[in-house]
C-alpha atoms as a PDB file:
ATOM      1  CA  GLU A   1      23.269 -38.406  -1.704  1.00  0.00           C
ATOM      2  CA  ILE A   2      22.932 -38.777  -5.612  1.00  0.00           C
ATOM      3  CA  LEU A   3      25.716 -35.812  -6.433  1.00  0.00           C
ATOM      4  CA  SER A   4      27.913 -38.285  -4.587  1.00  0.00           C
ATOM      5  CA  PHE A   5      27.909 -40.511  -7.579  1.00  0.00           C
ATOM      6  CA  TYR A   6      27.486 -38.134 -10.467  1.00  0.00           C
ATOM      7  CA  GLU A   7      30.919 -37.178 -11.051  1.00  0.00           C
ATOM      8  CA  THR A   8      32.407 -40.759 -10.640  1.00  0.00           C
ATOM      9  CA  GLY A   9      29.605 -42.566 -12.245  1.00  0.00           C
ATOM     10  CA  THR A  10      28.435 -45.810 -11.170  1.00  0.00           C
ATOM     11  CA  ASP A  11      27.502 -49.098 -12.574  1.00  0.00           C
ATOM     12  CA  VAL A  12      24.253 -49.584 -14.559  1.00  0.00           C
ATOM     13  CA  GLU A  13      21.827 -52.340 -14.231  1.00  0.00           C
ATOM     14  CA  TRP A  14      18.685 -52.920 -16.221  1.00  0.00           C
ATOM     15  CA  LYS A  15      15.329 -53.856 -14.452  1.00  0.00           C
ATOM     16  CA  GLU A  16      13.870 -54.390 -17.615  1.00  0.00           C
ATOM     17  CA  ALA A  17      14.435 -53.285 -21.075  1.00  0.00           C
ATOM     18  CA  HIS A  18      15.355 -49.642 -21.384  1.00  0.00           C
ATOM     19  CA  GLU A  19      14.847 -48.820 -17.959  1.00  0.00           C
ATOM     20  CA  PRO A  20      17.999 -48.493 -16.435  1.00  0.00           C
ATOM     21  CA  VAL A  21      19.084 -48.452 -12.173  1.00  0.00           C
ATOM     22  CA  THR A  22      21.926 -47.282 -10.872  1.00  0.00           C
ATOM     23  CA  VAL A  23      23.558 -47.230  -7.097  1.00  0.00           C
ATOM     24  CA  ALA A  24      22.375 -43.817  -7.253  1.00  0.00           C
ATOM     25  CA  ASP A  25      19.029 -44.263  -7.482  1.00  0.00           C
ATOM     26  CA  LYS A  26      18.701 -46.941  -4.602  1.00  0.00           C
ATOM     27  CA  ALA A  27      20.666 -45.062  -2.179  1.00  0.00           C
ATOM     28  CA  ALA A  28      18.360 -41.703  -2.442  1.00  0.00           C
ATOM     29  CA  ASN A  29      15.687 -44.234  -2.448  1.00  0.00           C
ATOM     30  CA  GLY A  30      16.695 -45.875   0.606  1.00  0.00           C
ATOM     31  CA  LEU A  31      17.316 -42.295   2.084  1.00  0.00           C
ATOM     32  CA  ILE A  32      13.944 -40.680   1.001  1.00  0.00           C
ATOM     33  CA  VAL A  33      11.785 -43.893   2.317  1.00  0.00           C
ATOM     34  CA  GLU A  34      13.709 -44.107   5.652  1.00  0.00           C
ATOM     35  CA  GLY A  35      12.985 -40.378   6.281  1.00  0.00           C
ATOM     36  CA  LEU A  36       9.393 -40.522   5.369  1.00  0.00           C
ATOM     37  CA  ALA A  37       8.930 -43.206   7.543  1.00  0.00           C
ATOM     38  CA  LEU A  38      10.088 -41.556  10.608  1.00  0.00           C
ATOM     39  CA  ALA A  39       8.363 -38.397   9.913  1.00  0.00           C
ATOM     40  CA  PHE A  40       5.081 -39.846   8.996  1.00  0.00           C
ATOM     41  CA  PRO A  41       4.704 -43.666  10.710  1.00  0.00           C
ATOM     42  CA  GLU A  42       1.084 -43.594   9.932  1.00  0.00           C
ATOM     43  CA  ASP A  43       1.424 -43.255   6.443  1.00  0.00           C
ATOM     44  CA  ALA A  44       1.905 -46.188   3.624  1.00  0.00           C
ATOM     45  CA  ILE A  45       5.009 -45.186   1.158  1.00  0.00           C
ATOM     46  CA  LEU A  46       5.196 -46.340  -2.573  1.00  0.00           C
ATOM     47  CA  ALA A  47       8.611 -46.232  -3.951  1.00  0.00           C
ATOM     48  CA  GLU A  48      10.023 -47.044  -7.507  1.00  0.00           C
ATOM     49  CA  GLU A  49      13.116 -48.712  -5.689  1.00  0.00           C
ATOM     50  CA  THR A  50      10.975 -50.415  -3.140  1.00  0.00           C
ATOM     51  CA  PRO A  51       9.408 -53.663  -3.669  1.00  0.00           C
ATOM     52  CA  ASP A  52       5.489 -52.952  -3.754  1.00  0.00           C
ATOM     53  CA  THR A  53       2.807 -54.363  -1.290  1.00  0.00           C
ATOM     54  CA  THR A  54      -0.885 -54.547  -0.823  1.00  0.00           C
ATOM     55  CA  GLY A  55      -0.687 -53.168   2.091  1.00  0.00           C
ATOM     56  CA  ARG A  56      -0.717 -49.373   1.015  1.00  0.00           C
ATOM     57  CA  LEU A  57      -3.808 -49.823  -0.274  1.00  0.00           C
ATOM     58  CA  ARG A  58      -5.610 -49.993   3.233  1.00  0.00           C
ATOM     59  CA  HIS A  59      -4.207 -46.159   3.949  1.00  0.00           C
ATOM     60  CA  ASP A  60      -5.454 -43.068   2.504  1.00  0.00           C
ATOM     61  CA  ARG A  61      -2.523 -41.471   2.755  1.00  0.00           C
ATOM     62  CA  LEU A  62       0.354 -42.227   0.526  1.00  0.00           C
ATOM     63  CA  TRP A  63       3.762 -41.081  -0.445  1.00  0.00           C
ATOM     64  CA  VAL A  64       4.943 -41.723  -4.124  1.00  0.00           C
ATOM     65  CA  VAL A  65       8.814 -41.603  -4.753  1.00  0.00           C
ATOM     66  CA  ASP A  66      10.879 -41.838  -7.488  1.00  0.00           C
ATOM     67  CA  PRO A  67      14.373 -41.279  -6.207  1.00  0.00           C
ATOM     68  CA  MET A  68      15.532 -40.198  -9.155  1.00  0.00           C
ATOM     69  CA  ASP A  69      13.371 -39.628 -12.328  1.00  0.00           C
ATOM     70  CA  GLY A  70      15.585 -39.270 -15.405  1.00  0.00           C
ATOM     71  CA  THR A  71      18.344 -41.821 -14.617  1.00  0.00           C
ATOM     72  CA  LYS A  72      19.467 -41.988 -18.677  1.00  0.00           C
ATOM     73  CA  GLU A  73      19.999 -38.453 -18.052  1.00  0.00           C
ATOM     74  CA  PHE A  74      22.364 -39.092 -15.044  1.00  0.00           C
ATOM     75  CA  ILE A  75      24.042 -41.585 -16.993  1.00  0.00           C
ATOM     76  CA  LYS A  76      24.380 -39.280 -19.952  1.00  0.00           C
ATOM     77  CA  ARG A  77      25.769 -36.346 -16.985  1.00  0.00           C
ATOM     78  CA  ASN A  78      23.579 -33.695 -18.786  1.00  0.00           C
ATOM     79  CA  GLY A  79      22.165 -32.899 -15.154  1.00  0.00           C
ATOM     80  CA  GLU A  80      18.234 -33.271 -16.551  1.00  0.00           C
ATOM     81  CA  PHE A  81      16.845 -35.238 -13.829  1.00  0.00           C
ATOM     82  CA  SER A  82      15.372 -34.921 -10.510  1.00  0.00           C
ATOM     83  CA  VAL A  83      13.975 -36.423  -7.226  1.00  0.00           C
ATOM     84  CA  MET A  84      10.317 -35.961  -6.845  1.00  0.00           C
ATOM     85  CA  ILE A  85       8.348 -36.841  -4.145  1.00  0.00           C
ATOM     86  CA  GLY A  86       4.417 -36.642  -3.881  1.00  0.00           C
ATOM     87  CA  LEU A  87       1.653 -37.279  -1.552  1.00  0.00           C
ATOM     88  CA  ALA A  88      -1.578 -38.503  -2.381  1.00  0.00           C
ATOM     89  CA  VAL A  89      -4.824 -37.997  -0.235  1.00  0.00           C
ATOM     90  CA  ASP A  90      -7.791 -40.328  -0.869  1.00  0.00           C
ATOM     91  CA  GLY A  91      -6.178 -41.219  -4.309  1.00  0.00           C
ATOM     92  CA  VAL A  92      -5.459 -37.408  -5.435  1.00  0.00           C
ATOM     93  CA  ALA A  93      -2.445 -35.851  -5.787  1.00  0.00           C
ATOM     94  CA  SER A  94      -2.309 -33.117  -3.040  1.00  0.00           C
ATOM     95  CA  LEU A  95       1.243 -32.386  -2.367  1.00  0.00           C
ATOM     96  CA  GLY A  96       4.366 -32.118  -4.917  1.00  0.00           C
ATOM     97  CA  VAL A  97       7.995 -31.643  -4.427  1.00  0.00           C
ATOM     98  CA  VAL A  98      10.467 -31.853  -7.305  1.00  0.00           C
ATOM     99  CA  TYR A  99      14.265 -31.348  -6.467  1.00  0.00           C
ATOM    100  CA  GLN A 100      17.113 -30.676  -9.432  1.00  0.00           C
ATOM    101  CA  PRO A 101      20.323 -31.714  -7.402  1.00  0.00           C
ATOM    102  CA  THR A 102      22.637 -30.669 -10.331  1.00  0.00           C
ATOM    103  CA  ARG A 103      21.074 -26.852 -10.456  1.00  0.00           C
ATOM    104  CA  ASP A 104      19.906 -27.088  -6.787  1.00  0.00           C
ATOM    105  CA  ARG A 105      16.565 -25.888  -7.833  1.00  0.00           C
ATOM    106  CA  LEU A 106      13.398 -26.941  -5.605  1.00  0.00           C
ATOM    107  CA  PHE A 107       9.911 -26.772  -7.091  1.00  0.00           C
ATOM    108  CA  TYR A 108       7.060 -27.655  -4.592  1.00  0.00           C
ATOM    109  CA  GLY A 109       3.583 -26.938  -4.378  1.00  0.00           C
ATOM    110  CA  VAL A 110       0.404 -27.943  -2.607  1.00  0.00           C
ATOM    111  CA  PRO A 111      -2.949 -27.241  -4.683  1.00  0.00           C
ATOM    112  CA  GLY A 112      -4.846 -24.663  -3.272  1.00  0.00           C
ATOM    113  CA  HIS A 113      -2.406 -23.052  -1.372  1.00  0.00           C
ATOM    114  CA  GLY A 114       0.326 -21.801  -4.399  1.00  0.00           C
ATOM    115  CA  ALA A 115       3.649 -23.392  -6.131  1.00  0.00           C
ATOM    116  CA  PHE A 116       6.756 -22.392  -5.545  1.00  0.00           C
ATOM    117  CA  LEU A 117      10.405 -22.067  -6.634  1.00  0.00           C
ATOM    118  CA  VAL A 118      13.672 -22.228  -4.706  1.00  0.00           C
ATOM    119  CA  GLU A 119      17.157 -21.788  -6.548  1.00  0.00           C
ATOM    120  CA  GLY A 120      19.954 -22.563  -4.170  1.00  0.00           C
ATOM    121  CA  ASN A 121      19.787 -19.900  -1.088  1.00  0.00           C
ATOM    122  CA  SER A 122      16.923 -17.268  -2.594  1.00  0.00           C
ATOM    123  CA  ALA A 123      13.887 -17.263  -0.871  1.00  0.00           C
ATOM    124  CA  PRO A 124      10.765 -19.176  -2.363  1.00  0.00           C
ATOM    125  CA  GLN A 125       9.506 -17.387  -5.883  1.00  0.00           C
ATOM    126  CA  PRO A 126       5.515 -17.886  -6.371  1.00  0.00           C
ATOM    127  CA  LEU A 127       4.903 -19.692  -9.765  1.00  0.00           C
ATOM    128  CA  ALA A 128       1.894 -19.284 -12.182  1.00  0.00           C
ATOM    129  CA  VAL A 129       1.231 -20.938 -15.195  1.00  0.00           C
ATOM    130  CA  SER A 130       0.896 -18.961 -18.492  1.00  0.00           C
ATOM    131  CA  ASP A 131      -2.231 -17.237 -20.085  1.00  0.00           C
ATOM    132  CA  VAL A 132      -1.687 -18.513 -23.498  1.00  0.00           C
ATOM    133  CA  THR A 133      -5.222 -19.909 -24.876  1.00  0.00           C
ATOM    134  CA  ALA A 134      -4.205 -20.561 -28.512  1.00  0.00           C
ATOM    135  CA  THR A 135      -2.245 -23.524 -29.579  1.00  0.00           C
ATOM    136  CA  GLU A 136      -0.224 -22.480 -32.303  1.00  0.00           C
ATOM    137  CA  GLU A 137       1.217 -19.865 -29.574  1.00  0.00           C
ATOM    138  CA  MET A 138       2.126 -22.593 -27.161  1.00  0.00           C
ATOM    139  CA  CYS A 139       5.679 -23.972 -26.593  1.00  0.00           C
ATOM    140  CA  VAL A 140       5.511 -28.036 -25.887  1.00  0.00           C
ATOM    141  CA  ALA A 141       8.025 -29.474 -23.320  1.00  0.00           C
ATOM    142  CA  VAL A 142       9.667 -32.932 -25.136  1.00  0.00           C
ATOM    143  CA  SER A 143      11.544 -35.771 -23.406  1.00  0.00           C
ATOM    144  CA  ARG A 144      15.298 -35.678 -24.320  1.00  0.00           C
ATOM    145  CA  SER A 145      15.680 -40.003 -24.190  1.00  0.00           C
ATOM    146  CA  HIS A 146      11.801 -40.695 -24.941  1.00  0.00           C
ATOM    147  CA  ARG A 147      10.918 -38.521 -27.223  1.00  0.00           C
ATOM    148  CA  SER A 148       8.228 -40.324 -29.676  1.00  0.00           C
ATOM    149  CA  SER A 149       7.394 -39.648 -33.566  1.00  0.00           C
ATOM    150  CA  ARG A 150       4.080 -39.099 -32.363  1.00  0.00           C
ATOM    151  CA  ILE A 151       4.937 -36.117 -31.082  1.00  0.00           C
ATOM    152  CA  ASP A 152       5.465 -34.281 -34.193  1.00  0.00           C
ATOM    153  CA  MET A 153       2.274 -35.320 -35.440  1.00  0.00           C
ATOM    154  CA  VAL A 154       0.640 -33.824 -32.266  1.00  0.00           C
ATOM    155  CA  ARG A 155       3.115 -30.434 -33.028  1.00  0.00           C
ATOM    156  CA  SER A 156       1.330 -30.227 -36.674  1.00  0.00           C
ATOM    157  CA  ALA A 157      -2.477 -30.944 -35.339  1.00  0.00           C
ATOM    158  CA  LEU A 158      -1.660 -28.079 -32.781  1.00  0.00           C
ATOM    159  CA  GLY A 159       0.311 -25.653 -34.973  1.00  0.00           C
ATOM    160  CA  ILE A 160       3.161 -25.597 -32.713  1.00  0.00           C
ATOM    161  CA  ALA A 161       6.491 -24.643 -33.775  1.00  0.00           C
ATOM    162  CA  ARG A 162       8.459 -24.039 -30.699  1.00  0.00           C
ATOM    163  CA  GLU A 163       9.362 -27.316 -28.479  1.00  0.00           C
ATOM    164  CA  VAL A 164      12.097 -27.359 -25.283  1.00  0.00           C
ATOM    165  CA  GLN A 165      13.595 -30.840 -24.508  1.00  0.00           C
ATOM    166  CA  SER A 166      14.252 -31.749 -20.846  1.00  0.00           C
ATOM    167  CA  GLY A 167      14.461 -34.829 -19.080  1.00  0.00           C
ATOM    168  CA  SER A 168      12.479 -35.813 -16.109  1.00  0.00           C
ATOM    169  CA  VAL A 169       8.623 -35.542 -15.977  1.00  0.00           C
ATOM    170  CA  GLY A 170       8.905 -33.448 -13.271  1.00  0.00           C
ATOM    171  CA  LEU A 171      11.166 -31.125 -14.876  1.00  0.00           C
ATOM    172  CA  LYS A 172       9.158 -30.800 -17.862  1.00  0.00           C
ATOM    173  CA  VAL A 173       6.373 -29.738 -15.700  1.00  0.00           C
ATOM    174  CA  GLY A 174       8.386 -27.240 -13.933  1.00  0.00           C
ATOM    175  CA  LEU A 175       8.914 -25.795 -17.321  1.00  0.00           C
ATOM    176  CA  ILE A 176       4.861 -25.006 -17.540  1.00  0.00           C
ATOM    177  CA  CYS A 177       5.127 -24.112 -14.261  1.00  0.00           C
ATOM    178  CA  ASP A 178       7.316 -21.032 -14.661  1.00  0.00           C
ATOM    179  CA  ARG A 179       6.258 -20.567 -18.040  1.00  0.00           C
ATOM    180  CA  THR A 180       8.732 -21.435 -19.888  1.00  0.00           C
ATOM    181  CA  CYS A 181       6.746 -23.767 -21.955  1.00  0.00           C
ATOM    182  CA  ASP A 182       2.569 -24.557 -21.874  1.00  0.00           C
ATOM    183  CA  LEU A 183       2.217 -27.952 -22.443  1.00  0.00           C
ATOM    184  CA  TYR A 184       3.890 -31.521 -22.310  1.00  0.00           C
ATOM    185  CA  ILE A 185       2.425 -34.547 -23.783  1.00  0.00           C
ATOM    186  CA  HIS A 186       3.812 -38.245 -22.864  1.00  0.00           C
ATOM    187  CA  PRO A 187       1.899 -41.001 -25.218  1.00  0.00           C
ATOM    188  CA  SER A 188       3.747 -43.798 -24.087  1.00  0.00           C
ATOM    189  CA  PRO A 189       1.785 -46.237 -21.999  1.00  0.00           C
ATOM    190  CA  LYS A 190       4.863 -47.033 -19.900  1.00  0.00           C
ATOM    191  CA  THR A 191       5.223 -44.126 -16.977  1.00  0.00           C
ATOM    192  CA  LYS A 192       3.891 -45.165 -13.536  1.00  0.00           C
ATOM    193  CA  GLN A 193       2.281 -43.587 -10.657  1.00  0.00           C
ATOM    194  CA  TRP A 194       5.528 -42.184  -9.253  1.00  0.00           C
ATOM    195  CA  ASP A 195       6.337 -40.275 -12.454  1.00  0.00           C
ATOM    196  CA  THR A 196       3.042 -38.155 -12.123  1.00  0.00           C
ATOM    197  CA  CYS A 197       1.719 -37.657  -8.518  1.00  0.00           C
ATOM    198  CA  ALA A 198       4.574 -35.033  -7.975  1.00  0.00           C
ATOM    199  CA  PRO A 199       4.175 -33.357 -10.903  1.00  0.00           C
ATOM    200  CA  GLU A 200       0.440 -33.478 -11.357  1.00  0.00           C
ATOM    201  CA  ALA A 201       0.545 -31.817  -7.602  1.00  0.00           C
ATOM    202  CA  LEU A 202       2.627 -29.370  -8.376  1.00  0.00           C
ATOM    203  CA  LEU A 203       1.384 -28.439 -11.935  1.00  0.00           C
ATOM    204  CA  ALA A 204      -1.966 -27.956 -10.289  1.00  0.00           C
ATOM    205  CA  ALA A 205      -0.659 -25.844  -7.574  1.00  0.00           C
ATOM    206  CA  ALA A 206       0.613 -23.292 -10.200  1.00  0.00           C
ATOM    207  CA  GLY A 207      -2.889 -23.364 -11.977  1.00  0.00           C
ATOM    208  CA  GLY A 208      -2.503 -25.877 -14.740  1.00  0.00           C
ATOM    209  CA  ARG A 209      -3.905 -29.288 -15.397  1.00  0.00           C
ATOM    210  CA  MET A 210      -2.434 -32.763 -15.682  1.00  0.00           C
ATOM    211  CA  THR A 211      -4.809 -35.944 -17.000  1.00  0.00           C
ATOM    212  CA  ASP A 212      -4.146 -38.897 -19.019  1.00  0.00           C
ATOM    213  CA  LEU A 213      -4.637 -38.484 -23.178  1.00  0.00           C
ATOM    214  CA  ALA A 214      -8.359 -39.487 -22.808  1.00  0.00           C
ATOM    215  CA  GLY A 215      -9.252 -36.674 -20.102  1.00  0.00           C
ATOM    216  CA  ASN A 216      -8.904 -38.947 -17.481  1.00  0.00           C
ATOM    217  CA  ALA A 217      -7.936 -37.816 -13.982  1.00  0.00           C
ATOM    218  CA  PHE A 218      -5.117 -40.120 -12.616  1.00  0.00           C
ATOM    219  CA  VAL A 219      -6.095 -41.847  -9.561  1.00  0.00           C
ATOM    220  CA  TYR A 220      -3.223 -42.988  -6.850  1.00  0.00           C
ATOM    221  CA  ASN A 221      -2.517 -45.841  -4.556  1.00  0.00           C
ATOM    222  CA  ARG A 222      -4.286 -48.317  -7.141  1.00  0.00           C
ATOM    223  CA  THR A 223      -3.166 -51.895  -7.600  1.00  0.00           C
ATOM    224  CA  ASP A 224      -1.824 -51.415 -11.215  1.00  0.00           C
ATOM    225  CA  LEU A 225       0.866 -49.183 -11.368  1.00  0.00           C
ATOM    226  CA  TYR A 226       0.753 -47.936 -14.848  1.00  0.00           C
ATOM    227  CA  ASN A 227      -0.418 -44.842 -16.259  1.00  0.00           C
ATOM    228  CA  ARG A 228      -1.528 -46.747 -19.511  1.00  0.00           C
ATOM    229  CA  ASN A 229      -3.385 -43.651 -21.378  1.00  0.00           C
ATOM    230  CA  GLY A 230      -0.202 -41.863 -21.707  1.00  0.00           C
ATOM    231  CA  ILE A 231       0.422 -37.827 -19.853  1.00  0.00           C
ATOM    232  CA  LEU A 232      -1.104 -34.419 -21.304  1.00  0.00           C
ATOM    233  CA  ALA A 233      -0.018 -31.870 -18.893  1.00  0.00           C
ATOM    234  CA  THR A 234      -1.040 -28.308 -19.798  1.00  0.00           C
ATOM    235  CA  ASN A 235      -1.459 -24.594 -18.481  1.00  0.00           C
ATOM    236  CA  GLY A 236      -5.222 -25.592 -18.344  1.00  0.00           C
ATOM    237  CA  ARG A 237      -6.139 -23.008 -20.584  1.00  0.00           C
ATOM    238  CA  ALA A 238      -7.071 -25.089 -23.776  1.00  0.00           C
ATOM    239  CA  HIS A 239      -6.809 -28.557 -21.901  1.00  0.00           C
ATOM    240  CA  GLU A 240     -10.048 -30.074 -23.872  1.00  0.00           C
ATOM    241  CA  ARG A 241      -9.108 -28.381 -27.052  1.00  0.00           C
ATOM    242  CA  VAL A 242      -5.971 -30.199 -26.876  1.00  0.00           C
ATOM    243  CA  LEU A 243      -6.963 -33.157 -25.932  1.00  0.00           C
ATOM    244  CA  GLU A 244      -9.705 -33.290 -29.275  1.00  0.00           C
ATOM    245  CA  ARG A 245      -6.723 -32.632 -31.518  1.00  0.00           C
ATOM    246  CA  VAL A 246      -4.312 -35.134 -29.787  1.00  0.00           C
ATOM    247  CA  ALA A 247      -7.151 -37.529 -30.086  1.00  0.00           C
ATOM    248  CA  ALA A 248      -8.037 -36.744 -33.766  1.00  0.00           C
ATOM    249  CA  ALA A 249      -4.303 -36.989 -34.515  1.00  0.00           C
ATOM    250  CA  PHE A 250      -3.688 -40.217 -33.101  1.00  0.00           C
ATOM    251  CA  ALA A 251      -6.845 -41.926 -34.804  1.00  0.00           C
ATOM    252  CA  GLU A 252      -5.337 -40.536 -38.071  1.00  0.00           C
END
């Protein structure tokens, strides 16, 4: 559905400052929400382009949908956007799917049951995070359209020399899952539950870890949709050490 708009382009609207939305976002949203509602009629759904209601709070199972994460990359036509579908059970990210339409790459995972990558018609390949423990040997995934000056502070504090730019939270987490990178830091308080649910489950399934920058676990199906303390995703090997150094760098 998204690719049908990709080559020709669409008009861009702005939900709020710096937050664009296109017809492609809305079309994908409608398709996914309709499909989930038919397949899982007893579950609640939280989707970016569907008005939110408090009724979801009464459910133990919540599908969390970002129909197109990386709308700015879609508009730029650089291919770095993804569809993200997560399932939260009792507030915990329990299943994650991240799909990159332009490259036909599907990441999926369930914590405790493994994470996998399917490229085109190939067989699923198991994913596992790196074993790198020394922060100065790590490679950091950074946002292409939302890069913060604080990332350079963090890189300096951790002694990190290498970085890879990408759009979409899900694709950056995918870089950790396939060992291209070892961590991703997003200091902004503006991401929402649909930005992290699927990626968190995928990363946990691959052996990594995601928390906010205070070290708190993400809890889904909350009234407040925002992840107000940012995001830290790592291979899990030095997560606490990274948290400490990030906090020190920001305090300074």
